[in-house]
Amino acid sequence: MNTDNFIKFDDYIVEELKDPEYQREFLNVSLEEYIEDGDFKSFFKSLEYVIKARGSVTEFAQKVNLNRRNLYELFKGEQKPQLDTVIKILKELGYSLKVA
């Protein structure tokens, strides 16, 4: 099968997430799912997509004062994030974490 014309899911979702409203909804749903099922890997994968839609992961890591490798380890689920790290990332993206 020739896959030259196939689009990779990661590329597709990053392109879709260039819309700020879609980013917000995407992260809200992802956060709700994380609260329900405790799957932080999925939540951090969503954060990775949003960060990539906004530009460079390396530049973002510098802005939030995190090591790029550590940030990728969070995205892959190799590290569990601390709450202050989650808040720092959300804040840099222009969001906040609220208890409703």
Foldseek 3Di string as FASTA:
>chain_A
DDCPPPDDPLVVLLCVLLDVVVLVVLLVVLVVVCVVPVPQLSNLLSLVSNVVSVPDLCVLCVVLVHDSVVSVCSNRVVDDDDPVSVQSSQVVVVHGDDDD
